[in-house]
Amino acid sequence: MDKHEEIITPCSKPPDIIALSETRIKETSIIATLPGYNFINKNSQTQAGGLGAYIKNNFEVSTTT
């Protein structure tokens, strides 16, 4: 079982959204994939982190700036 499965497996129903903080995604970052989820992120305008979320594929998502 990989780390991603360890997060989701204990749930009686898989979560619709998995939110992450302090992500700070760079162009060279490798984003882990979760089957059935899309990943979106927004970096902070400072050198601090950012926000990321895995959202189930059945949700329509849009981002704003």
N, C-alpha and C. Protein backbone atom coordinates (compact mmCIF):
# COMPACT_ATOMS: atom_id res chain seq x y z
N MET A 1 0.86 -1.18 0.00
CA MET A 1 0.00 0.00 0.00
C MET A 1 0.90 1.24 0.00
N ASP A 2 0.67 2.17 -0.95
CA ASP A 2 1.48 3.37 -0.97
C ASP A 2 0.90 4.44 -0.04
N LYS A 3 1.61 5.53 0.12
CA LYS A 3 1.21 6.58 1.06
C LYS A 3 -0.16 7.17 0.73
N HIS A 4 -0.48 7.30 -0.56
CA HIS A 4 -1.77 7.86 -0.95
C HIS A 4 -2.92 6.94 -0.54
N GLU A 5 -2.72 5.66 -0.73
CA GLU A 5 -3.75 4.70 -0.34
C GLU A 5 -3.92 4.69 1.17
N GLU A 6 -2.83 4.92 1.92
CA GLU A 6 -2.92 4.96 3.37
C GLU A 6 -3.80 6.10 3.85
N ILE A 7 -3.84 7.19 3.09
CA ILE A 7 -4.67 8.33 3.47
C ILE A 7 -6.14 8.04 3.20
N ILE A 8 -6.45 7.44 2.07
CA ILE A 8 -7.83 7.27 1.64
C ILE A 8 -8.46 5.99 2.17
N THR A 9 -7.71 4.90 2.28
CA THR A 9 -8.26 3.60 2.66
C THR A 9 -9.02 3.61 3.99
N PRO A 10 -8.55 4.31 5.04
CA PRO A 10 -9.29 4.26 6.31
C PRO A 10 -10.67 4.93 6.25
N CYS A 11 -10.94 5.69 5.23
CA CYS A 11 -12.23 6.39 5.11
C CYS A 11 -13.31 5.40 4.70
N SER A 12 -14.48 5.49 5.35
CA SER A 12 -15.59 4.62 4.96
C SER A 12 -16.11 5.00 3.57
N LYS A 13 -16.00 6.28 3.23
CA LYS A 13 -16.35 6.79 1.91
C LYS A 13 -15.20 7.70 1.48
N PRO A 14 -14.61 7.48 0.31
CA PRO A 14 -13.50 8.34 -0.10
C PRO A 14 -13.92 9.81 -0.11
N PRO A 15 -13.05 10.70 0.34
CA PRO A 15 -13.40 12.12 0.39
C PRO A 15 -13.58 12.71 -1.01
N ASP A 16 -14.45 13.72 -1.11
CA ASP A 16 -14.64 14.42 -2.37
C ASP A 16 -13.47 15.35 -2.65
N ILE A 17 -12.93 15.95 -1.58
CA ILE A 17 -11.83 16.91 -1.70
C ILE A 17 -10.80 16.60 -0.63
N ILE A 18 -9.53 16.60 -1.03
CA ILE A 18 -8.41 16.49 -0.09
C ILE A 18 -7.60 17.77 -0.24
N ALA A 19 -7.66 18.63 0.76
CA ALA A 19 -6.98 19.93 0.70
C ALA A 19 -5.61 19.85 1.36
N LEU A 20 -4.65 20.55 0.77
CA LEU A 20 -3.28 20.58 1.27
C LEU A 20 -2.83 22.02 1.41
N SER A 21 -2.05 22.30 2.43
CA SER A 21 -1.50 23.65 2.58
C SER A 21 0.02 23.60 2.47
N GLU A 22 0.61 24.76 2.27
CA GLU A 22 2.06 24.89 2.15
C GLU A 22 2.62 24.00 1.04
N THR A 23 2.00 24.04 -0.12
CA THR A 23 2.41 23.14 -1.20
C THR A 23 3.59 23.66 -2.01
N ARG A 24 3.62 24.93 -2.32
CA ARG A 24 4.68 25.57 -3.12
C ARG A 24 5.16 24.68 -4.26
N ILE A 25 4.32 24.55 -5.28
CA ILE A 25 4.62 23.72 -6.44
C ILE A 25 5.54 24.48 -7.39
N LYS A 26 6.62 23.84 -7.80
CA LYS A 26 7.56 24.43 -8.76
C LYS A 26 7.41 23.71 -10.09
N GLU A 27 7.97 24.29 -11.14
CA GLU A 27 7.90 23.67 -12.47
C GLU A 27 8.54 22.28 -12.46
N THR A 28 9.51 22.07 -11.59
CA THR A 28 10.20 20.79 -11.54
C THR A 28 9.57 19.82 -10.53
N SER A 29 8.52 20.26 -9.84
CA SER A 29 7.87 19.40 -8.84
C SER A 29 7.18 18.22 -9.51
N ILE A 30 7.21 17.11 -8.85
CA ILE A 30 6.50 15.93 -9.31
C ILE A 30 5.21 15.83 -8.50
N ILE A 31 4.09 15.88 -9.18
CA ILE A 31 2.79 15.84 -8.52
C ILE A 31 2.30 14.39 -8.50
N ALA A 32 2.03 13.88 -7.32
CA ALA A 32 1.50 12.53 -7.20
C ALA A 32 0.09 12.48 -7.76
N THR A 33 -0.23 11.41 -8.45
CA THR A 33 -1.58 11.25 -8.98
C THR A 33 -2.37 10.34 -8.06
N LEU A 34 -3.64 10.65 -7.91
CA LEU A 34 -4.56 9.80 -7.19
C LEU A 34 -5.65 9.38 -8.17
N PRO A 35 -5.83 8.09 -8.39
CA PRO A 35 -6.86 7.64 -9.31
C PRO A 35 -8.23 8.20 -8.90
N GLY A 36 -8.94 8.78 -9.87
CA GLY A 36 -10.27 9.31 -9.61
C GLY A 36 -10.28 10.76 -9.15
N TYR A 37 -9.08 11.39 -9.07
CA TYR A 37 -8.98 12.77 -8.61
C TYR A 37 -8.18 13.62 -9.59
N ASN A 38 -8.53 14.90 -9.65
CA ASN A 38 -7.72 15.90 -10.36
C ASN A 38 -7.02 16.74 -9.30
N PHE A 39 -5.82 17.21 -9.62
CA PHE A 39 -5.08 18.06 -8.69
C PHE A 39 -5.06 19.48 -9.22
N ILE A 40 -5.38 20.44 -8.36
CA ILE A 40 -5.24 21.86 -8.69
C ILE A 40 -4.42 22.51 -7.60
N ASN A 41 -3.73 23.59 -7.95
CA ASN A 41 -2.97 24.30 -6.92
C ASN A 41 -2.88 25.78 -7.24
N LYS A 42 -2.59 26.55 -6.23
CA LYS A 42 -2.37 27.99 -6.36
C LYS A 42 -1.21 28.33 -5.43
N ASN A 43 -0.10 28.76 -6.02
CA ASN A 43 1.05 29.16 -5.22
C ASN A 43 0.80 30.53 -4.61
N SER A 44 1.41 30.76 -3.48
CA SER A 44 1.36 32.07 -2.84
C SER A 44 2.18 33.05 -3.67
N GLN A 45 1.84 34.34 -3.59
CA GLN A 45 2.63 35.35 -4.29
C GLN A 45 3.92 35.66 -3.53
N THR A 46 4.05 35.14 -2.32
CA THR A 46 5.28 35.29 -1.55
C THR A 46 6.09 34.01 -1.69
N GLN A 47 7.16 33.89 -0.98
CA GLN A 47 7.96 32.67 -1.01
C GLN A 47 7.40 31.60 -0.08
N ALA A 48 6.29 31.91 0.57
CA ALA A 48 5.64 30.93 1.43
C ALA A 48 5.01 29.85 0.55
N GLY A 49 4.26 28.99 1.15
CA GLY A 49 3.67 27.86 0.43
C GLY A 49 2.56 28.26 -0.51
N GLY A 50 1.57 27.48 -0.56
CA GLY A 50 0.42 27.69 -1.41
C GLY A 50 -0.65 26.71 -1.01
N LEU A 51 -1.66 26.59 -1.83
CA LEU A 51 -2.75 25.65 -1.56
C LEU A 51 -2.86 24.67 -2.70
N GLY A 52 -3.18 23.45 -2.36
CA GLY A 52 -3.41 22.43 -3.36
C GLY A 52 -4.61 21.60 -2.96
N ALA A 53 -5.24 20.99 -3.93
CA ALA A 53 -6.39 20.15 -3.62
C ALA A 53 -6.52 19.03 -4.65
N TYR A 54 -6.81 17.86 -4.15
CA TYR A 54 -7.23 16.75 -5.01
C TYR A 54 -8.75 16.76 -4.96
N ILE A 55 -9.37 16.84 -6.12
CA ILE A 55 -10.83 16.94 -6.20
C ILE A 55 -11.33 15.80 -7.09
N LYS A 56 -12.34 15.11 -6.60
CA LYS A 56 -12.88 13.98 -7.36
C LYS A 56 -13.24 14.40 -8.78
N ASN A 57 -13.02 13.48 -9.71
CA ASN A 57 -13.25 13.75 -11.14
C ASN A 57 -14.68 14.14 -11.47
N ASN A 58 -15.65 13.74 -10.65
CA ASN A 58 -17.04 14.03 -11.00
C ASN A 58 -17.47 15.45 -10.64
N PHE A 59 -16.55 16.28 -10.13
CA PHE A 59 -16.83 17.68 -9.83
C PHE A 59 -16.30 18.57 -10.95
N GLU A 60 -17.08 19.58 -11.31
CA GLU A 60 -16.61 20.56 -12.28
C GLU A 60 -15.90 21.65 -11.49
N VAL A 61 -14.66 21.96 -11.86
CA VAL A 61 -13.84 22.90 -11.10
C VAL A 61 -13.34 24.01 -12.01
N SER A 62 -13.33 25.21 -11.48
CA SER A 62 -12.69 26.32 -12.18
C SER A 62 -11.89 27.11 -11.16
N THR A 63 -10.86 27.76 -11.63
CA THR A 63 -10.02 28.57 -10.74
C THR A 63 -10.10 30.02 -11.16
N THR A 64 -9.87 30.91 -10.21
CA THR A 64 -9.84 32.33 -10.48
C THR A 64 -8.51 32.89 -10.02
N THR A 65 -8.14 34.03 -10.53
CA THR A 65 -6.89 34.66 -10.12
C THR A 65 -7.17 35.89 -9.30
